[in-house]
N, C-alpha and C. Protein backbone atom coordinates (compact mmCIF):
# COMPACT_ATOMS: atom_id res chain seq x y z
N MET A 1 39.98 146.84 79.89
CA MET A 1 41.29 147.19 79.07
C MET A 1 42.21 147.83 80.07
N LYS A 2 41.78 148.70 81.03
CA LYS A 2 42.88 149.14 81.96
C LYS A 2 43.25 148.18 82.96
N LYS A 3 42.44 147.19 83.33
CA LYS A 3 42.73 146.03 84.20
C LYS A 3 43.86 145.24 83.59
N ARG A 4 43.70 145.00 82.35
CA ARG A 4 44.58 144.09 81.52
C ARG A 4 45.98 144.77 81.45
N PHE A 5 45.91 146.03 81.21
CA PHE A 5 47.14 146.72 80.95
C PHE A 5 47.94 146.72 82.30
N PHE A 6 47.16 146.99 83.44
CA PHE A 6 47.75 147.04 84.79
C PHE A 6 48.37 145.85 85.19
N LYS A 7 47.70 144.72 84.87
CA LYS A 7 48.29 143.33 85.11
C LYS A 7 49.43 143.06 84.34
N LEU A 8 49.47 143.46 83.06
CA LEU A 8 50.70 143.27 82.19
C LEU A 8 51.84 144.09 82.66
N THR A 9 51.59 145.25 83.10
CA THR A 9 52.60 146.12 83.54
C THR A 9 53.19 145.48 84.79
N VAL A 10 52.36 145.07 85.77
CA VAL A 10 52.89 144.48 87.06
C VAL A 10 53.68 143.28 86.74
N VAL A 11 53.11 142.23 85.88
CA VAL A 11 53.88 141.13 85.62
C VAL A 11 55.09 141.47 84.93
N GLY A 12 55.23 142.33 83.99
CA GLY A 12 56.48 142.82 83.27
C GLY A 12 57.34 143.38 84.23
N ALA A 13 56.87 144.22 85.12
CA ALA A 13 57.89 144.85 86.08
C ALA A 13 58.63 143.82 87.08
N VAL A 14 57.70 142.79 87.57
CA VAL A 14 58.21 141.77 88.42
C VAL A 14 59.23 140.86 87.59
N SER A 15 58.76 140.53 86.39
CA SER A 15 59.71 139.72 85.60
C SER A 15 61.07 140.35 85.40
N CYS A 16 60.94 141.73 84.97
CA CYS A 16 62.16 142.57 84.67
C CYS A 16 63.16 142.53 85.93
N SER A 17 62.51 142.70 87.07
CA SER A 17 63.29 142.88 88.34
C SER A 17 63.93 141.49 88.60
N LEU A 18 63.31 140.45 88.34
CA LEU A 18 63.95 139.15 88.67
C LEU A 18 65.00 138.83 87.54
N LEU A 19 64.60 139.08 86.30
CA LEU A 19 65.54 138.77 85.22
C LEU A 19 66.84 139.62 85.28
N PHE A 20 66.65 140.91 85.37
CA PHE A 20 67.79 141.76 85.34
C PHE A 20 68.66 141.89 86.50
N SER A 21 68.10 141.61 87.70
CA SER A 21 68.87 141.81 88.86
C SER A 21 69.30 140.48 89.51
N SER A 22 68.55 139.55 89.49
CA SER A 22 68.71 138.14 90.02
C SER A 22 69.29 138.23 91.49
N CYS A 23 68.99 139.27 92.21
CA CYS A 23 69.37 139.33 93.67
C CYS A 23 68.27 140.10 94.25
N ILE A 24 68.12 140.06 95.60
CA ILE A 24 67.08 140.71 96.29
C ILE A 24 67.43 142.23 96.50
N GLY A 25 68.71 142.41 96.75
CA GLY A 25 69.13 143.83 97.05
C GLY A 25 69.02 144.36 98.38
N SER A 26 69.37 145.56 98.66
CA SER A 26 69.42 146.03 100.11
C SER A 26 68.23 146.87 100.37
N PHE A 27 67.37 147.27 99.42
CA PHE A 27 66.17 148.11 99.59
C PHE A 27 66.47 149.35 100.47
N SER A 28 67.63 150.01 100.14
CA SER A 28 68.14 151.11 100.97
C SER A 28 67.20 152.35 100.88
N LEU A 29 66.40 152.65 99.85
CA LEU A 29 65.51 153.86 100.08
C LEU A 29 64.29 153.42 100.88
N SER A 30 63.76 152.23 100.74
CA SER A 30 62.68 151.88 101.73
C SER A 30 63.22 151.81 103.22
N ASN A 31 64.32 151.33 103.40
CA ASN A 31 64.90 151.21 104.71
C ASN A 31 65.29 152.66 105.37
N LYS A 32 65.61 153.54 104.44
CA LYS A 32 65.89 154.97 104.92
C LYS A 32 64.49 155.62 105.44
N LEU A 33 63.39 155.41 104.57
CA LEU A 33 62.10 155.95 104.99
C LEU A 33 61.71 155.26 106.35
N LEU A 34 61.86 153.94 106.48
CA LEU A 34 61.48 153.26 107.73
C LEU A 34 62.30 153.71 108.87
N ALA A 35 63.66 154.01 108.59
CA ALA A 35 64.47 154.42 109.68
C ALA A 35 64.01 155.78 110.21
N TRP A 36 63.70 156.71 109.20
CA TRP A 36 63.10 158.03 109.51
C TRP A 36 61.92 157.86 110.49
N ASN A 37 60.96 157.13 109.99
CA ASN A 37 59.69 156.95 110.65
C ASN A 37 59.96 156.53 112.10
N GLN A 38 60.91 155.63 112.34
CA GLN A 38 61.12 155.08 113.69
C GLN A 38 61.72 156.16 114.57
N THR A 39 62.34 157.21 114.09
CA THR A 39 62.86 158.29 114.93
C THR A 39 62.01 159.43 115.35
N VAL A 40 60.80 159.33 114.76
CA VAL A 40 59.88 160.49 114.86
C VAL A 40 59.41 160.56 116.36
N GLY A 41 59.02 159.37 116.88
CA GLY A 41 58.45 159.48 118.17
C GLY A 41 58.27 157.97 118.78
N ASP A 42 57.31 157.74 119.68
CA ASP A 42 57.14 156.45 120.23
C ASP A 42 56.34 155.62 119.16
N LYS A 43 55.95 154.33 119.46
CA LYS A 43 55.39 153.45 118.64
C LYS A 43 54.04 153.98 118.16
N PHE A 44 53.25 154.65 119.00
CA PHE A 44 51.95 155.14 118.52
C PHE A 44 52.07 156.17 117.56
N VAL A 45 53.04 157.19 117.74
CA VAL A 45 53.22 158.23 116.75
C VAL A 45 53.74 157.60 115.41
N ASN A 46 54.58 156.63 115.53
CA ASN A 46 55.13 156.03 114.33
C ASN A 46 54.03 155.25 113.55
N ALA A 47 53.05 154.63 114.21
CA ALA A 47 51.98 154.00 113.60
C ALA A 47 51.15 155.01 112.93
N LEU A 48 50.93 156.10 113.48
CA LEU A 48 49.92 157.08 112.98
C LEU A 48 50.57 157.76 111.72
N ILE A 49 51.95 157.88 111.69
CA ILE A 49 52.66 158.59 110.61
C ILE A 49 52.74 157.44 109.46
N PHE A 50 52.73 156.18 109.92
CA PHE A 50 52.92 155.01 108.85
C PHE A 50 51.68 154.87 107.99
N ILE A 51 50.48 155.08 108.46
CA ILE A 51 49.25 154.92 107.84
C ILE A 51 49.19 155.77 106.51
N PRO A 52 49.49 157.19 106.71
CA PRO A 52 49.28 157.93 105.52
C PRO A 52 50.53 157.71 104.52
N LEU A 53 51.55 157.26 105.01
CA LEU A 53 52.74 156.91 104.24
C LEU A 53 52.81 155.58 103.59
N ILE A 54 51.80 154.79 103.61
CA ILE A 54 51.69 153.50 103.02
C ILE A 54 51.95 153.69 101.42
N PRO A 55 51.25 154.62 100.74
CA PRO A 55 51.51 154.81 99.31
C PRO A 55 52.98 155.12 99.08
N ILE A 56 53.67 155.93 99.86
CA ILE A 56 54.99 156.28 99.69
C ILE A 56 55.90 155.09 99.87
N TYR A 57 55.55 154.25 100.89
CA TYR A 57 56.44 153.10 101.01
C TYR A 57 56.17 152.13 99.84
N GLY A 58 55.05 152.10 99.28
CA GLY A 58 54.98 151.37 97.86
C GLY A 58 55.77 151.99 96.82
N ILE A 59 55.80 153.25 96.76
CA ILE A 59 56.75 153.86 95.65
C ILE A 59 58.24 153.58 96.07
N THR A 60 58.57 153.69 97.20
CA THR A 60 60.02 153.29 97.55
C THR A 60 60.29 151.91 97.26
N LEU A 61 59.33 150.91 97.50
CA LEU A 61 59.53 149.52 97.15
C LEU A 61 59.85 149.42 95.70
N VAL A 62 58.94 149.95 94.99
CA VAL A 62 59.05 149.76 93.48
C VAL A 62 60.29 150.53 92.94
N GLY A 63 60.74 151.64 93.61
CA GLY A 63 62.04 152.25 93.11
C GLY A 63 63.21 151.40 93.52
N ASP A 64 63.24 150.75 94.61
CA ASP A 64 64.23 149.82 95.02
C ASP A 64 64.22 148.66 94.24
N GLY A 65 63.01 148.07 94.08
CA GLY A 65 62.96 146.66 93.33
C GLY A 65 63.27 146.85 91.79
N LEU A 66 62.94 147.93 91.25
CA LEU A 66 63.12 148.00 89.77
C LEU A 66 64.38 148.80 89.46
N LEU A 67 64.83 149.78 90.18
CA LEU A 67 65.80 150.57 89.79
C LEU A 67 67.11 150.50 90.59
N PHE A 68 67.09 151.00 92.01
CA PHE A 68 68.13 151.00 92.73
C PHE A 68 68.87 149.58 92.93
N ASN A 69 68.06 148.56 93.31
CA ASN A 69 68.64 147.27 93.51
C ASN A 69 69.29 146.75 92.22
N THR A 70 68.70 147.00 91.09
CA THR A 70 69.33 146.58 89.70
C THR A 70 70.65 147.29 89.67
N ILE A 71 70.72 148.72 89.82
CA ILE A 71 72.00 149.36 89.88
C ILE A 71 72.95 148.74 90.75
N GLU A 72 72.48 148.47 91.96
CA GLU A 72 73.47 147.87 92.86
C GLU A 72 73.98 146.55 92.45
N PHE A 73 73.15 145.67 91.83
CA PHE A 73 73.67 144.34 91.34
C PHE A 73 74.64 144.65 90.33
N TRP A 74 74.46 145.47 89.26
CA TRP A 74 75.35 145.59 88.04
C TRP A 74 76.65 146.42 88.47
N SER A 75 76.47 147.41 89.28
CA SER A 75 77.68 148.26 89.58
C SER A 75 78.36 147.89 90.82
N GLY A 76 77.72 147.19 91.71
CA GLY A 76 78.16 146.99 92.97
C GLY A 76 77.96 148.07 93.92
N ASP A 77 77.38 149.14 93.60
CA ASP A 77 77.26 150.36 94.40
C ASP A 77 75.68 150.69 94.31
N ASN A 78 75.06 150.99 95.61
CA ASN A 78 73.70 151.43 95.55
C ASN A 78 73.73 152.93 95.83
N PRO A 79 73.20 153.74 94.93
CA PRO A 79 73.35 155.15 95.00
C PRO A 79 72.59 155.68 96.24
N ILE A 80 71.89 155.01 96.82
CA ILE A 80 71.07 155.40 98.05
C ILE A 80 71.81 155.24 99.35
N GLU A 81 72.81 154.31 99.31
CA GLU A 81 73.48 153.75 100.56
C GLU A 81 74.11 154.93 101.19
N ALA A 82 74.86 155.73 100.59
CA ALA A 82 75.66 156.86 101.24
C ALA A 82 74.88 157.65 102.05
N GLY A 83 75.39 157.85 103.34
CA GLY A 83 74.53 158.99 104.21
C GLY A 83 73.66 158.21 105.29
N ILE A 84 73.66 156.87 105.30
CA ILE A 84 72.88 156.16 106.39
C ILE A 84 73.70 156.24 107.56
N VAL A 85 73.04 156.54 108.63
CA VAL A 85 73.67 156.79 110.05
C VAL A 85 72.82 155.95 110.99
N LYS A 86 73.72 155.11 111.69
CA LYS A 86 73.25 154.14 112.75
C LYS A 86 73.87 154.32 114.01
N LYS A 87 73.23 154.07 115.13
CA LYS A 87 73.76 153.97 116.36
C LYS A 87 74.01 152.54 116.77
N VAL A 88 75.30 152.20 117.16
CA VAL A 88 75.60 150.85 117.47
C VAL A 88 76.10 150.68 118.83
N GLN A 89 75.60 149.79 119.60
CA GLN A 89 76.07 149.46 121.00
C GLN A 89 77.11 148.60 120.95
N GLY A 90 78.36 149.09 121.40
CA GLY A 90 79.55 148.21 121.46
C GLY A 90 79.91 147.83 122.89
N ASP A 91 80.97 147.04 123.06
CA ASP A 91 81.38 146.70 124.37
C ASP A 91 81.88 148.06 125.24
N ASN A 92 82.40 149.07 124.58
CA ASN A 92 82.87 150.18 125.15
C ASN A 92 81.93 151.43 125.02
N GLY A 93 80.79 151.26 124.71
CA GLY A 93 79.78 152.35 124.64
C GLY A 93 79.07 152.37 123.26
N VAL A 94 78.42 153.55 122.97
CA VAL A 94 77.67 153.66 121.83
C VAL A 94 78.43 154.44 120.65
N TYR A 95 78.40 153.92 119.44
CA TYR A 95 79.08 154.50 118.35
C TYR A 95 78.13 154.86 117.31
N THR A 96 78.51 155.96 116.55
CA THR A 96 77.65 156.35 115.47
C THR A 96 78.41 155.97 114.23
N VAL A 97 77.64 155.18 113.41
CA VAL A 97 78.27 154.66 112.16
C VAL A 97 77.48 155.22 110.99
N GLU A 98 78.27 155.99 110.13
CA GLU A 98 77.85 156.75 108.97
C GLU A 98 78.41 156.02 107.79
N THR A 99 77.46 155.53 106.82
CA THR A 99 77.87 154.90 105.45
C THR A 99 78.29 155.91 104.47
N LEU A 100 79.54 155.92 104.09
CA LEU A 100 80.04 156.88 103.11
C LEU A 100 80.05 156.20 101.69
N GLU A 101 80.27 156.91 100.76
CA GLU A 101 80.42 156.39 99.34
C GLU A 101 81.42 155.37 99.27
N ASN A 102 82.43 155.61 99.96
CA ASN A 102 83.74 154.72 99.77
C ASN A 102 84.10 154.08 101.22
N GLY A 103 83.22 153.89 102.10
CA GLY A 103 83.49 153.27 103.39
C GLY A 103 82.63 153.67 104.57
N TYR A 104 83.16 153.75 105.73
CA TYR A 104 82.34 154.13 106.84
C TYR A 104 83.16 155.01 107.85
N LYS A 105 82.34 155.95 108.42
CA LYS A 105 82.87 156.83 109.44
C LYS A 105 82.20 156.48 110.78
N ILE A 106 83.05 156.27 111.81
CA ILE A 106 82.65 155.85 113.10
C ILE A 106 83.12 156.85 114.18
N GLU A 107 82.15 157.18 114.97
CA GLU A 107 82.52 158.28 116.05
C GLU A 107 81.97 157.72 117.40
N ASP A 108 82.86 157.77 118.37
CA ASP A 108 82.43 157.28 119.79
C ASP A 108 81.78 158.38 120.53
N GLU A 109 81.29 158.17 121.71
CA GLU A 109 80.68 159.15 122.51
C GLU A 109 81.51 160.29 122.88
N ALA A 110 82.82 160.10 122.91
CA ALA A 110 83.68 161.15 123.39
C ALA A 110 84.01 162.11 122.10
N GLY A 111 83.55 161.75 120.87
CA GLY A 111 83.84 162.64 119.78
C GLY A 111 84.94 162.14 118.80
N GLN A 112 85.68 161.06 119.22
CA GLN A 112 86.80 160.63 118.47
C GLN A 112 86.26 159.95 117.19
N VAL A 113 86.76 160.22 116.17
CA VAL A 113 86.34 159.69 114.74
C VAL A 113 87.45 159.04 114.06
N CYS A 114 87.05 157.77 113.44
CA CYS A 114 87.92 157.12 112.51
C CYS A 114 87.12 156.73 111.26
N GLN A 115 87.76 156.48 110.17
CA GLN A 115 87.07 156.17 109.03
C GLN A 115 87.78 154.90 108.41
N PHE A 116 86.93 153.93 107.93
CA PHE A 116 87.40 152.79 107.09
C PHE A 116 87.06 153.20 105.68
N ILE A 117 88.16 153.44 104.82
CA ILE A 117 87.91 153.85 103.44
C ILE A 117 88.30 152.66 102.51
N TYR A 118 87.55 152.51 101.53
CA TYR A 118 87.94 151.54 100.32
C TYR A 118 88.27 152.25 99.17
N ASP A 119 89.59 151.82 98.68
CA ASP A 119 89.97 152.40 97.48
C ASP A 119 89.72 151.30 96.29
N LYS A 120 88.64 151.63 95.40
CA LYS A 120 88.25 150.60 94.46
C LYS A 120 89.50 150.29 93.48
N GLU A 121 90.41 151.25 93.15
CA GLU A 121 91.39 150.92 92.14
C GLU A 121 92.47 149.95 92.70
N SER A 122 92.77 150.07 93.85
CA SER A 122 93.73 149.13 94.52
C SER A 122 93.09 147.90 95.20
N ASN A 123 91.72 148.06 95.43
CA ASN A 123 91.05 146.92 96.12
C ASN A 123 91.52 146.95 97.55
N THR A 124 91.73 148.11 98.20
CA THR A 124 92.31 148.20 99.48
C THR A 124 91.40 148.81 100.57
N TRP A 125 91.34 148.28 101.79
CA TRP A 125 90.66 148.97 102.94
C TRP A 125 91.85 149.61 103.68
N SER A 126 91.52 150.85 104.14
CA SER A 126 92.39 151.53 105.06
C SER A 126 91.67 152.24 106.18
N LEU A 127 92.42 152.41 107.24
CA LEU A 127 91.83 153.01 108.54
C LEU A 127 92.44 154.51 108.40
N VAL A 128 91.61 155.56 108.76
CA VAL A 128 91.98 156.93 108.64
C VAL A 128 91.64 157.30 110.20
N ALA A 129 92.72 157.70 110.98
CA ALA A 129 92.52 158.10 112.38
C ALA A 129 93.57 159.16 112.66
N ASN A 130 93.21 160.21 113.37
CA ASN A 130 94.20 161.12 113.90
C ASN A 130 95.05 161.72 112.72
N GLU A 131 94.35 161.98 111.65
CA GLU A 131 95.12 162.39 110.36
C GLU A 131 96.08 161.48 109.85
N LYS A 132 96.04 160.12 110.16
CA LYS A 132 97.07 159.20 109.67
C LYS A 132 96.20 158.04 108.95
N THR A 133 96.73 157.57 107.84
CA THR A 133 96.17 156.57 107.10
C THR A 133 97.06 155.46 107.18
N THR A 134 96.38 154.35 107.51
CA THR A 134 96.99 152.86 107.67
C THR A 134 96.33 151.94 106.95
N LYS A 135 97.08 151.29 105.93
CA LYS A 135 96.46 150.18 105.14
C LYS A 135 96.25 148.99 106.03
N LEU A 136 95.03 148.30 105.75
CA LEU A 136 94.63 147.15 106.55
C LEU A 136 94.65 146.00 105.80
N ILE A 137 94.14 145.92 104.60
CA ILE A 137 94.07 144.82 103.75
C ILE A 137 93.79 145.13 102.33
N THR A 138 94.47 144.35 101.45
CA THR A 138 94.34 144.48 100.06
C THR A 138 93.95 143.21 99.49
N ILE A 139 92.78 143.18 98.84
CA ILE A 139 92.19 141.98 98.36
C ILE A 139 92.64 141.75 96.92
N SER A 140 93.05 140.46 96.46
CA SER A 140 93.47 140.04 95.19
C SER A 140 92.42 140.29 94.23
N ASP A 141 92.69 140.36 92.95
CA ASP A 141 91.84 140.56 91.75
C ASP A 141 90.77 139.40 91.76
N ASP A 142 91.37 138.19 92.01
CA ASP A 142 90.42 136.96 92.07
C ASP A 142 89.66 136.74 93.17
N ASN A 143 89.68 137.67 94.20
CA ASN A 143 89.05 137.46 95.45
C ASN A 143 89.27 136.13 96.20
N LYS A 144 90.48 135.49 95.94
CA LYS A 144 90.79 134.29 96.64
C LYS A 144 91.79 134.51 97.75
N SER A 145 92.62 135.66 97.70
CA SER A 145 93.55 135.79 98.69
C SER A 145 93.66 137.39 99.00
N ALA A 146 94.40 137.68 100.18
CA ALA A 146 94.50 139.12 100.50
C ALA A 146 95.87 139.39 101.19
N ILE A 147 96.42 140.46 101.10
CA ILE A 147 97.58 140.84 101.92
C ILE A 147 97.10 141.62 103.03
N VAL A 148 97.32 141.19 104.32
CA VAL A 148 96.91 141.68 105.46
C VAL A 148 98.09 142.52 106.10
N TYR A 149 97.87 143.83 106.41
CA TYR A 149 99.12 144.59 106.82
C TYR A 149 98.94 144.58 108.40
N LEU A 150 100.04 144.04 109.10
CA LEU A 150 99.85 143.87 110.60
C LEU A 150 100.39 145.17 111.25
N PRO A 151 100.08 145.29 112.54
CA PRO A 151 100.50 146.55 113.19
C PRO A 151 102.03 146.67 113.37
N ASN A 152 102.78 145.49 113.32
CA ASN A 152 104.21 145.53 113.49
C ASN A 152 104.91 145.85 112.16
N GLY A 153 104.16 146.15 111.11
CA GLY A 153 104.71 146.41 109.80
C GLY A 153 104.81 145.29 108.88
N GLU A 154 104.64 144.11 109.39
CA GLU A 154 104.72 142.93 108.56
C GLU A 154 103.41 142.70 107.60
N GLU A 155 103.67 142.05 106.55
CA GLU A 155 102.60 141.97 105.57
C GLU A 155 102.45 140.31 105.38
N ARG A 156 101.11 139.83 105.55
CA ARG A 156 100.95 138.37 105.45
C ARG A 156 99.95 138.21 104.31
N ASN A 157 100.24 137.22 103.53
CA ASN A 157 99.38 136.78 102.37
C ASN A 157 98.47 135.78 103.08
N VAL A 158 97.10 135.99 102.83
CA VAL A 158 96.19 135.16 103.55
C VAL A 158 95.12 134.69 102.56
N GLU A 159 94.84 133.30 102.53
CA GLU A 159 93.81 132.82 101.69
C GLU A 159 92.50 133.25 102.27
N LEU A 160 91.59 133.61 101.35
CA LEU A 160 90.17 134.07 101.87
C LEU A 160 89.32 132.85 102.02
N SER A 161 89.49 132.11 103.09
CA SER A 161 88.65 131.04 103.44
C SER A 161 88.67 130.82 105.00
N ASP A 162 87.93 129.97 105.47
CA ASP A 162 88.04 129.76 106.90
C ASP A 162 89.34 129.28 107.33
N ARG A 163 89.89 128.53 106.63
CA ARG A 163 91.35 128.03 106.98
C ARG A 163 92.41 129.10 107.02
N GLY A 164 92.22 129.94 105.86
CA GLY A 164 93.18 131.10 105.87
C GLY A 164 93.09 132.02 106.97
N VAL A 165 91.84 132.36 107.28
CA VAL A 165 91.50 133.43 108.37
C VAL A 165 91.90 132.80 109.78
N LEU A 166 91.69 131.49 109.89
CA LEU A 166 92.06 130.74 111.11
C LEU A 166 93.68 130.81 111.27
N ALA A 167 94.28 130.54 110.27
CA ALA A 167 95.84 130.67 110.22
C ALA A 167 96.44 131.90 110.61
N LEU A 168 95.74 132.94 110.06
CA LEU A 168 96.09 134.31 110.35
C LEU A 168 95.82 134.64 111.85
N ARG A 169 94.70 134.38 112.42
CA ARG A 169 94.35 134.42 113.85
C ARG A 169 95.40 133.76 114.68
N GLN A 170 95.71 132.63 114.27
CA GLN A 170 96.64 131.76 115.13
C GLN A 170 97.97 132.47 115.11
N TYR A 171 98.50 133.02 113.94
CA TYR A 171 99.78 133.55 113.66
C TYR A 171 99.68 134.85 114.66
N VAL A 172 98.61 135.66 114.67
CA VAL A 172 98.60 136.97 115.44
C VAL A 172 98.62 136.60 116.96
N GLU A 173 97.81 135.59 117.30
CA GLU A 173 97.86 135.23 118.73
C GLU A 173 99.23 134.67 119.15
N ASP A 174 99.91 133.92 118.40
CA ASP A 174 101.24 133.39 118.67
C ASP A 174 102.19 134.61 118.86
N SER A 175 102.07 135.63 117.85
CA SER A 175 102.99 136.65 117.84
C SER A 175 102.80 137.51 119.08
N GLN A 176 101.52 137.68 119.52
CA GLN A 176 101.30 138.50 120.76
C GLN A 176 101.81 137.73 122.07
N VAL A 177 101.80 136.50 122.14
CA VAL A 177 102.33 135.77 123.06
C VAL A 177 103.92 135.88 123.09
N TYR A 178 104.46 135.79 121.87
CA TYR A 178 105.89 135.99 121.80
C TYR A 178 106.39 137.35 122.29
N LEU A 179 105.59 138.44 121.84
CA LEU A 179 105.95 139.88 122.15
C LEU A 179 105.82 140.09 123.69
N ALA A 180 104.76 139.46 124.20
CA ALA A 180 104.48 139.59 125.66
C ALA A 180 105.71 139.07 126.44
N ALA A 181 106.25 137.91 125.99
CA ALA A 181 107.28 137.22 126.67
C ALA A 181 108.54 137.99 126.63
N LYS A 182 108.77 138.77 125.65
CA LYS A 182 110.04 139.56 125.37
C LYS A 182 110.19 140.58 126.43
């Protein structure tokens, strides 16, 4: 009887996760646990810590699969996402990137900080640096076009497609050549 109940529970849980979310999701809770485990020590220490944590990994996978990924699908936000910190190697050094509830905080090795902030109401991404906020892009309600705010103060309406992005890139490159020639 217990075996049958367990099988029905597993089949029901898997079915619900597939029916109600219809996406794989980001598995943020499981990834946070894995990221923590990878920072503890070298690969041997990580392996020793991983073995007793196997049941915990199982719990985080179930939590992500049944709850957090479903919330992420229906609301667009994963409640576990905020607070993830990663080191990223860029062309000019190492950057620390922290996921915020409404965007990203980026810090370079010298301690300079900027934030990319998303305003859900206006569907706008902005850059916050040196206590100054600069609009970068506002995406239309139908997600087919966007207004891009250029550094010279000009606004360009851009189709959100390969063709639209290529046209914007060409416009910016032509503008830079024109400005350099002046």
